[in-house]
Amino acid sequence: MFQLQNQFNYFNVLSFSDFYKKIQERFVSYISRNEKMHEKALLPYSSGWVSPTHTELAEFKKLVGHSTIELAEMVGMNPKNLRNFFKEKSYINGKRIQYTVWRYWLESFGLAEVNHLKTKRPFLRSSIFSAKSSVFEKPKISELRVLVSRSGSSVSKTSRSLDFSESMLSHYLYSNNVDANLVFPIEHKNWLNFLLHIGISSLTEYSETPKLPNVTLLPLDSGFEPPNPKVLRQFISWTGYTPNELAQEFGVESSKISFYCSNRSARTAEVSLDPKIYSAIDWRCPTYSELRTFINILSIDKYEAAKILKMGKQEIDEILSTRDNDYSKLEPLDLYQSDWFNLLDAQKVIDGAELKSLVDRENRAHHINYSLWRVMLQSFGVLAPLKYEVKEVVVRAPRAS
């Protein structure tokens, strides 16, 4: 069980009013008397967090005085899904509440301190920001990579602002064969244009917290809108953490964080698969967009698909890359019908009927969970926790005998 001095470390409240002290003492008292209480349920995830049991969740709900519906609304959950976490059967079957949901509640009700994390900021030379040609030094490849990452923009968009070859830029950014200490061959005026475009024209702006849209910083019930992939990429790049490192801090799969950062997660444009691409009689070759949709919804390895379609790796990468304002993506590809049908056969696809639900899902946007986003912002000092009211439970005095 917790020692008294450790109890205050884990349960230090945000507001030290007499009422909140009583709530804190009641919670600590419950831990002290209940041998089944996980002490680690209130630790940060990376410090050995253990998810609360169904009985601990029930005790928490009782202590804060809010209903299941109210608690669910705080984090944007379906109350029906939240109720499952309070059931013994669900707990026995291995159902556990998400770390960031639990942590959001604790920090918002003042039952745990924010787990502060420091940003990891790569060193950049001040000379690469100079507007004076006599002082300016061309950026190294490592510095280029940092600033392109901070921009949150695609290679296509970046290449245009730099007035630089897209294929060469991609090589400098992602090839393992490029020495990070090499100088990036860019003209001064084009580099300054890029810095102006991404809003980082000095070391001061580089160090500052990225200017996040105000709607992404609001409480869930006050007009909050989730960050789009570009905003999320900019924020994560500012922290200096990789998706895998963030996953280890916030108890979520790194693949999910990467997905939320991808433009695919927030795609709202209508995508469809024309029945003619399955027809043997009036067949039409799929378009760029249709091939991308087909590969995405079936989670096909793009290079395996390229092999069947007799395409090169570079060609499939070019086709599947999302370009801004590029209407060529709507044009049919130059493929042989036999090769396309070989790909359909390999995926056991006869017609488009069985893929309809997958296509519908592809049209839906999938945004980062509110609790994950909010807890990350709080951990990196962008926002302070909200202060939810703890409803005092009226305790009736025993009747006189």
Protein backbone atom coordinates (compact mmCIF):
# COMPACT_ATOMS: atom_id res chain seq x y z
CA MET A 1 0.00 0.00 0.00
CA PHE A 2 1.02 3.61 -0.42
CA GLN A 3 3.06 5.23 2.28
CA LEU A 4 1.54 8.54 3.43
CA GLN A 5 4.28 10.65 1.80
CA ASN A 6 3.85 8.80 -1.54
CA GLN A 7 0.09 9.23 -1.39
CA PHE A 8 0.43 12.99 -1.73
CA ASN A 9 2.81 12.54 -4.67
CA TYR A 10 0.27 10.52 -6.62
CA PHE A 11 -2.91 12.31 -5.48
CA ASN A 12 -1.77 15.93 -5.34
CA VAL A 13 -4.86 17.93 -6.27
CA LEU A 14 -4.93 20.99 -8.47
CA SER A 15 -7.09 22.99 -6.08
CA PHE A 16 -6.37 22.74 -2.37
CA SER A 17 -9.78 23.87 -1.12
CA ASP A 18 -11.09 22.08 1.94
CA PHE A 19 -13.68 20.29 -0.19
CA TYR A 20 -11.10 18.91 -2.64
CA LYS A 21 -8.91 17.87 0.26
CA LYS A 22 -11.81 15.82 1.56
CA ILE A 23 -12.25 14.17 -1.81
CA GLN A 24 -8.55 13.43 -1.94
CA GLU A 25 -8.56 11.96 1.57
CA ARG A 26 -11.60 9.83 0.73
CA PHE A 27 -9.89 8.42 -2.35
CA VAL A 28 -6.65 7.72 -0.46
CA SER A 29 -8.66 6.15 2.34
CA TYR A 30 -10.29 3.80 -0.15
CA ILE A 31 -6.91 2.70 -1.43
CA SER A 32 -5.60 2.12 2.07
CA ARG A 33 -8.46 -0.12 3.12
CA ASN A 34 -9.01 -2.03 -0.13
CA GLU A 35 -6.34 -4.65 -0.77
CA LYS A 36 -7.55 -5.15 -4.35
CA MET A 37 -6.89 -1.54 -5.34
CA HIS A 38 -4.06 -1.22 -7.87
CA GLU A 39 -1.69 1.41 -6.54
CA LYS A 40 -0.31 1.76 -10.05
CA ALA A 41 -3.67 2.77 -11.50
CA LEU A 42 -2.73 6.40 -10.89
CA LEU A 43 0.79 6.27 -12.29
CA PRO A 44 1.73 7.67 -15.71
CA TYR A 45 1.62 5.00 -18.38
CA SER A 46 5.40 4.92 -18.85
CA SER A 47 5.92 4.52 -15.10
CA GLY A 48 4.13 1.19 -14.89
CA TRP A 49 0.46 2.13 -15.08
CA VAL A 50 -2.04 -0.64 -14.37
CA SER A 51 -5.59 -0.14 -15.61
CA PRO A 52 -8.27 0.32 -12.92
CA THR A 53 -10.62 -2.55 -12.21
CA HIS A 54 -14.37 -2.30 -12.63
CA THR A 55 -14.74 -1.77 -8.86
CA GLU A 56 -12.15 1.00 -8.88
CA LEU A 57 -14.01 2.72 -11.68
CA ALA A 58 -17.22 2.46 -9.68
CA GLU A 59 -15.49 3.96 -6.64
CA PHE A 60 -14.10 6.78 -8.77
CA LYS A 61 -17.56 7.54 -10.15
CA LYS A 62 -18.96 7.58 -6.64
CA LEU A 63 -16.21 9.92 -5.42
CA VAL A 64 -16.64 12.52 -8.16
CA GLY A 65 -20.43 12.26 -8.07
CA HIS A 66 -20.97 12.19 -11.84
CA SER A 67 -23.10 9.75 -13.80
CA THR A 68 -21.78 7.38 -16.45
CA ILE A 69 -23.39 9.56 -19.12
CA GLU A 70 -21.67 12.68 -17.78
CA LEU A 71 -18.28 10.98 -17.60
CA ALA A 72 -18.71 9.66 -21.13
CA GLU A 73 -19.63 13.09 -22.46
CA MET A 74 -16.43 14.55 -21.01
CA VAL A 75 -14.31 12.39 -23.32
CA GLY A 76 -16.65 11.92 -26.27
CA MET A 77 -17.44 8.28 -25.54
CA ASN A 78 -20.64 6.40 -26.14
CA PRO A 79 -22.16 5.92 -22.63
CA LYS A 80 -23.13 2.38 -23.62
CA ASN A 81 -19.47 1.54 -24.30
CA LEU A 82 -18.36 3.14 -21.05
CA ARG A 83 -20.86 1.11 -19.01
CA ASN A 84 -19.13 -2.08 -20.13
CA PHE A 85 -16.01 -1.09 -18.19
CA PHE A 86 -18.04 -1.08 -14.97
CA LYS A 87 -19.15 -4.69 -15.42
CA GLU A 88 -17.29 -7.53 -13.74
CA LYS A 89 -17.89 -9.83 -16.69
CA SER A 90 -16.24 -7.34 -19.07
CA TYR A 91 -13.26 -6.97 -16.76
CA ILE A 92 -12.83 -10.75 -16.50
CA ASN A 93 -12.96 -10.93 -20.29
CA GLY A 94 -10.02 -8.53 -20.49
CA LYS A 95 -11.82 -5.29 -21.36
CA ARG A 96 -9.79 -2.34 -20.03
CA ILE A 97 -10.43 1.38 -20.15
CA GLN A 98 -8.07 3.43 -22.30
CA TYR A 99 -5.24 5.07 -20.38
CA THR A 100 -5.82 8.58 -21.70
CA VAL A 101 -9.54 8.49 -20.83
CA TRP A 102 -8.72 7.54 -17.25
CA ARG A 103 -5.83 10.03 -17.06
CA TYR A 104 -7.99 12.83 -18.45
CA TRP A 105 -10.54 12.27 -15.70
CA LEU A 106 -7.91 12.16 -12.95
CA GLU A 107 -6.20 15.36 -14.06
CA SER A 108 -9.49 17.18 -14.68
CA PHE A 109 -10.86 16.29 -11.24
CA GLY A 110 -7.56 17.15 -9.53
CA LEU A 111 -6.80 13.60 -8.42
CA ALA A 112 -3.44 13.40 -10.20
CA GLU A 113 -0.82 15.87 -11.34
CA VAL A 114 -0.05 16.37 -15.00
CA ASN A 115 2.75 14.10 -16.17
CA HIS A 116 4.93 16.82 -17.70
CA LEU A 117 7.13 15.86 -20.65
CA LYS A 118 9.94 17.93 -22.14
CA THR A 119 10.11 18.51 -25.87
CA LYS A 120 13.08 17.18 -27.79
CA ARG A 121 14.27 19.99 -30.03
CA PRO A 122 17.06 19.24 -32.53
CA PHE A 123 19.75 21.93 -32.77
CA LEU A 124 19.53 24.31 -35.71
CA ARG A 125 22.01 27.04 -36.63
CA SER A 126 20.76 30.63 -36.54
CA SER A 127 22.59 31.38 -39.79
CA ILE A 128 20.14 29.30 -41.84
CA PHE A 129 17.40 31.81 -40.94
CA SER A 130 19.35 34.93 -41.93
CA ALA A 131 17.87 37.23 -44.57
CA LYS A 132 21.32 38.70 -45.20
CA SER A 133 23.16 36.80 -47.90
CA SER A 134 26.50 37.65 -46.27
CA VAL A 135 25.47 35.86 -43.06
CA PHE A 136 23.27 33.15 -44.52
CA GLU A 137 24.51 29.57 -44.57
CA LYS A 138 22.73 26.90 -46.55
CA PRO A 139 20.97 24.33 -44.34
CA LYS A 140 22.36 20.88 -43.82
CA ILE A 141 20.21 17.94 -44.86
CA SER A 142 19.50 17.24 -41.18
CA GLU A 143 18.20 20.80 -40.73
CA LEU A 144 16.14 20.54 -43.90
CA ARG A 145 14.52 17.37 -42.59
CA VAL A 146 13.64 18.96 -39.26
CA LEU A 147 11.97 22.00 -40.82
CA VAL A 148 10.09 20.02 -43.47
CA SER A 149 8.78 17.81 -40.68
CA ARG A 150 7.76 20.88 -38.66
CA SER A 151 5.88 22.26 -41.67
CA GLY A 152 3.57 19.25 -41.73
CA SER A 153 3.36 19.61 -45.52
CA SER A 154 3.73 16.95 -48.20
CA VAL A 155 6.86 16.59 -50.31
CA SER A 156 4.88 17.85 -53.31
CA LYS A 157 3.83 21.05 -51.58
CA THR A 158 7.28 21.59 -50.09
CA SER A 159 8.99 21.12 -53.44
CA ARG A 160 6.81 23.86 -54.92
CA SER A 161 7.57 26.35 -52.14
CA LEU A 162 11.28 25.57 -52.52
CA ASP A 163 11.07 25.60 -56.32
CA PHE A 164 13.04 22.37 -56.17
CA SER A 165 12.72 18.99 -57.90
CA GLU A 166 10.22 16.79 -56.05
CA SER A 167 12.11 13.56 -56.76
CA MET A 168 15.44 15.06 -55.60
CA LEU A 169 13.81 16.54 -52.49
CA SER A 170 12.29 13.16 -51.63
CA HIS A 171 15.74 11.61 -52.02
CA TYR A 172 17.31 14.13 -49.65
CA LEU A 173 14.53 13.72 -47.09
CA TYR A 174 14.14 9.97 -46.95
CA SER A 175 17.13 8.17 -48.45
CA ASN A 176 19.40 6.40 -45.95
CA ASN A 177 22.26 6.88 -48.39
CA VAL A 178 22.31 10.66 -47.95
CA ASP A 179 24.76 12.07 -45.39
CA ALA A 180 22.74 14.24 -42.99
CA ASN A 181 25.67 16.66 -42.72
CA LEU A 182 25.69 17.45 -46.43
CA VAL A 183 24.66 20.96 -47.49
CA PHE A 184 21.27 21.24 -49.18
CA PRO A 185 21.82 22.94 -52.57
CA ILE A 186 19.09 25.58 -52.41
CA GLU A 187 19.03 29.20 -53.51
CA HIS A 188 18.80 31.75 -50.70
CA LYS A 189 15.61 33.42 -51.95
CA ASN A 190 13.85 30.07 -52.38
CA TRP A 191 14.86 28.97 -48.89
CA LEU A 192 13.53 32.22 -47.37
CA ASN A 193 10.28 31.71 -49.27
CA PHE A 194 9.98 28.23 -47.76
CA LEU A 195 10.63 29.54 -44.23
CA LEU A 196 8.02 32.25 -44.70
CA HIS A 197 5.56 29.68 -46.03
CA ILE A 198 5.91 27.37 -42.99
CA GLY A 199 5.89 30.26 -40.48
CA ILE A 200 9.31 29.52 -38.99
CA SER A 201 11.61 32.35 -40.01
CA SER A 202 13.80 32.47 -36.89
CA LEU A 203 15.14 30.36 -34.04
CA THR A 204 12.55 32.01 -31.78
CA GLU A 205 9.69 30.84 -33.98
CA TYR A 206 11.31 27.43 -34.22
CA SER A 207 11.31 27.14 -30.40
CA GLU A 208 7.78 28.43 -29.91
CA THR A 209 4.78 26.15 -29.58
CA PRO A 210 3.17 25.75 -33.02
CA LYS A 211 0.19 27.99 -33.61
CA LEU A 212 -2.60 25.48 -33.26
CA PRO A 213 -6.12 26.41 -34.44
CA ASN A 214 -8.13 27.74 -31.50
CA VAL A 215 -10.98 25.27 -32.09
CA THR A 216 -8.58 22.38 -31.40
CA LEU A 217 -7.86 23.79 -27.93
CA LEU A 218 -11.46 24.16 -26.77
CA PRO A 219 -13.29 21.85 -24.33
CA LEU A 220 -15.23 19.10 -26.04
CA ASP A 221 -18.61 20.73 -25.34
CA SER A 222 -17.54 24.26 -26.33
CA GLY A 223 -17.03 24.01 -30.07
CA PHE A 224 -14.02 21.71 -30.12
CA GLU A 225 -12.87 20.44 -33.52
CA PRO A 226 -10.22 17.70 -33.79
CA PRO A 227 -6.89 18.64 -35.37
CA ASN A 228 -6.51 17.73 -39.01
CA PRO A 229 -3.57 15.52 -40.00
CA LYS A 230 -1.33 18.46 -40.93
CA VAL A 231 -1.87 20.18 -37.57
CA LEU A 232 -1.25 16.91 -35.77
CA ARG A 233 1.97 16.32 -37.75
CA GLN A 234 3.16 19.83 -36.88
CA PHE A 235 2.45 19.32 -33.17
CA ILE A 236 4.11 15.90 -32.98
CA SER A 237 7.14 17.17 -34.88
CA TRP A 238 7.39 20.06 -32.39
CA THR A 239 7.47 17.62 -29.46
CA GLY A 240 10.42 15.82 -31.05
CA TYR A 241 8.87 12.44 -30.21
CA THR A 242 8.32 9.65 -32.71
CA PRO A 243 4.91 7.91 -32.88
CA ASN A 244 6.49 4.93 -31.14
CA GLU A 245 7.80 7.10 -28.30
CA LEU A 246 4.42 8.78 -27.90
CA ALA A 247 2.78 5.35 -27.84
CA GLN A 248 4.98 4.39 -24.89
CA GLU A 249 3.99 7.55 -23.04
CA PHE A 250 0.24 7.52 -23.70
CA GLY A 251 -0.67 3.85 -24.02
CA VAL A 252 -1.83 3.81 -27.63
CA GLU A 253 -0.57 1.88 -30.63
CA SER A 254 2.04 3.79 -32.62
CA SER A 255 0.28 2.68 -35.83
CA LYS A 256 -2.83 4.57 -34.70
CA ILE A 257 -0.89 7.77 -34.12
CA SER A 258 0.72 7.38 -37.55
CA PHE A 259 -2.71 6.80 -39.08
CA TYR A 260 -4.17 9.94 -37.47
CA CYS A 261 -1.22 11.85 -38.97
CA SER A 262 -1.93 10.55 -42.45
CA ASN A 263 -4.16 12.48 -44.85
CA ARG A 264 -6.07 9.27 -45.37
CA SER A 265 -7.50 9.45 -41.83
CA ALA A 266 -9.37 12.68 -42.55
CA ARG A 267 -10.25 12.11 -46.18
CA THR A 268 -13.75 13.41 -46.77
CA ALA A 269 -13.82 13.42 -50.57
CA GLU A 270 -16.10 10.86 -52.08
CA VAL A 271 -14.28 7.76 -53.29
CA SER A 272 -15.91 4.98 -55.27
CA LEU A 273 -15.15 2.00 -57.45
CA ASP A 274 -16.91 2.01 -60.82
CA PRO A 275 -18.57 -1.39 -61.58
CA LYS A 276 -16.96 -1.26 -65.03
CA ILE A 277 -13.52 -2.03 -63.57
CA TYR A 278 -14.87 -5.53 -62.70
CA SER A 279 -16.71 -6.08 -66.00
CA ALA A 280 -15.32 -8.45 -68.61
CA ILE A 281 -17.56 -6.96 -71.33
CA ASP A 282 -17.46 -3.15 -70.97
CA TRP A 283 -14.31 -3.04 -68.88
CA ARG A 284 -12.65 0.27 -68.08
CA CYS A 285 -9.18 0.58 -66.65
CA PRO A 286 -9.22 1.89 -63.05
CA THR A 287 -8.13 5.46 -62.39
CA TYR A 288 -5.31 6.53 -60.10
CA SER A 289 -7.84 7.22 -57.35
CA GLU A 290 -9.61 3.89 -57.81
CA LEU A 291 -6.37 1.94 -57.62
CA ARG A 292 -5.40 3.80 -54.45
CA THR A 293 -8.82 3.13 -52.93
CA PHE A 294 -8.68 -0.55 -53.92
CA ILE A 295 -5.24 -0.99 -52.32
CA ASN A 296 -6.22 0.95 -49.18
CA ILE A 297 -9.49 -0.81 -48.39
CA LEU A 298 -8.00 -4.28 -48.86
CA SER A 299 -4.68 -3.41 -47.17
CA ILE A 300 -2.74 -4.78 -50.14
CA ASP A 301 1.03 -4.49 -50.23
CA LYS A 302 1.54 -1.89 -52.96
CA TYR A 303 4.68 -3.52 -54.28
CA GLU A 304 2.96 -6.89 -54.56
CA ALA A 305 0.18 -5.17 -56.49
CA ALA A 306 2.76 -3.46 -58.70
CA LYS A 307 4.37 -6.82 -59.47
CA ILE A 308 1.06 -8.30 -60.63
CA LEU A 309 0.23 -5.18 -62.65
CA LYS A 310 3.74 -5.20 -64.18
CA MET A 311 4.61 -1.80 -62.75
CA GLY A 312 7.84 -0.56 -61.21
CA LYS A 313 8.20 0.45 -57.55
CA GLN A 314 8.78 4.06 -58.43
CA GLU A 315 5.75 4.05 -60.69
CA ILE A 316 3.41 2.68 -58.01
CA ASP A 317 4.80 5.17 -55.47
CA GLU A 318 4.11 7.97 -57.94
CA ILE A 319 0.57 6.75 -58.58
CA LEU A 320 -0.35 6.32 -54.94
CA SER A 321 1.12 9.61 -53.72
CA THR A 322 -1.52 12.20 -53.00
CA ARG A 323 -0.87 15.42 -54.88
CA ASP A 324 -2.58 18.73 -54.37
CA ASN A 325 -4.77 19.88 -57.26
CA ASP A 326 -3.60 17.08 -59.53
CA TYR A 327 -6.52 16.12 -61.76
CA SER A 328 -4.47 13.42 -63.46
CA LYS A 329 -5.49 11.21 -60.52
CA LEU A 330 -8.92 11.00 -62.14
CA GLU A 331 -7.58 9.67 -65.43
CA PRO A 332 -7.64 5.90 -66.23
CA LEU A 333 -4.32 4.11 -65.89
CA ASP A 334 -2.52 2.45 -68.77
CA LEU A 335 -2.88 -1.18 -67.69
CA TYR A 336 -3.65 -4.46 -69.43
CA GLN A 337 -7.05 -5.91 -68.60
CA SER A 338 -5.50 -9.34 -68.01
CA ASP A 339 -3.08 -7.94 -65.41
CA TRP A 340 -5.85 -6.09 -63.60
CA PHE A 341 -8.01 -9.22 -63.49
CA ASN A 342 -5.02 -11.16 -62.14
CA LEU A 343 -4.93 -8.68 -59.23
CA LEU A 344 -8.68 -9.14 -58.68
CA ASP A 345 -8.25 -12.92 -58.71
CA ALA A 346 -5.35 -12.70 -56.23
CA GLN A 347 -7.67 -10.80 -53.85
CA LYS A 348 -10.62 -13.14 -54.60
CA VAL A 349 -12.72 -10.18 -55.76
CA ILE A 350 -15.53 -11.06 -58.18
CA ASP A 351 -17.49 -7.81 -58.25
CA GLY A 352 -17.78 -4.59 -56.26
CA ALA A 353 -20.74 -5.61 -54.11
CA GLU A 354 -18.61 -7.22 -51.42
CA LEU A 355 -16.38 -4.13 -51.22
CA LYS A 356 -19.17 -1.58 -50.73
CA SER A 357 -18.95 -1.48 -46.94
CA LEU A 358 -15.18 -1.11 -47.14
CA VAL A 359 -15.52 1.76 -49.60
CA ASP A 360 -18.09 3.43 -47.31
CA ARG A 361 -15.64 3.16 -44.41
CA GLU A 362 -12.91 4.66 -46.59
CA ASN A 363 -15.12 7.75 -47.03
CA ARG A 364 -15.40 8.36 -43.29
CA ALA A 365 -12.94 10.58 -41.46
CA HIS A 366 -11.18 9.12 -38.41
CA HIS A 367 -9.86 11.75 -36.02
CA ILE A 368 -7.60 11.42 -33.00
CA ASN A 369 -9.47 10.65 -29.77
CA TYR A 370 -10.26 13.76 -27.71
CA SER A 371 -8.75 12.35 -24.50
CA LEU A 372 -5.49 11.39 -26.22
CA TRP A 373 -5.18 14.80 -27.88
CA ARG A 374 -6.00 16.70 -24.68
CA VAL A 375 -3.71 14.68 -22.42
CA MET A 376 -0.85 15.15 -24.90
CA LEU A 377 -1.43 18.91 -24.93
CA GLN A 378 -1.44 18.96 -21.14
CA SER A 379 1.68 16.82 -20.85
CA PHE A 380 3.67 19.15 -23.12
CA GLY A 381 2.40 22.28 -21.37
CA VAL A 382 0.23 23.65 -24.17
CA LEU A 383 -2.91 23.57 -22.02
CA ALA A 384 -3.72 23.23 -18.34
CA PRO A 385 -6.26 20.58 -17.29
CA LEU A 386 -9.90 21.59 -17.14
CA LYS A 387 -11.31 21.77 -13.64
CA TYR A 388 -14.43 19.66 -13.41
CA GLU A 389 -16.66 20.10 -10.43
CA VAL A 390 -16.69 17.27 -7.94
CA LYS A 391 -20.24 16.85 -6.74
CA GLU A 392 -20.35 16.44 -3.01
CA VAL A 393 -22.16 13.32 -1.89
CA VAL A 394 -24.59 13.99 0.91
CA VAL A 395 -24.09 11.54 3.76
CA ARG A 396 -27.19 11.11 5.89
CA ALA A 397 -26.71 11.04 9.63
CA PRO A 398 -27.81 7.78 11.27
CA ARG A 399 -31.19 7.82 12.93
CA ALA A 400 -31.27 8.14 16.66
CA SER A 401 -32.13 4.87 18.34
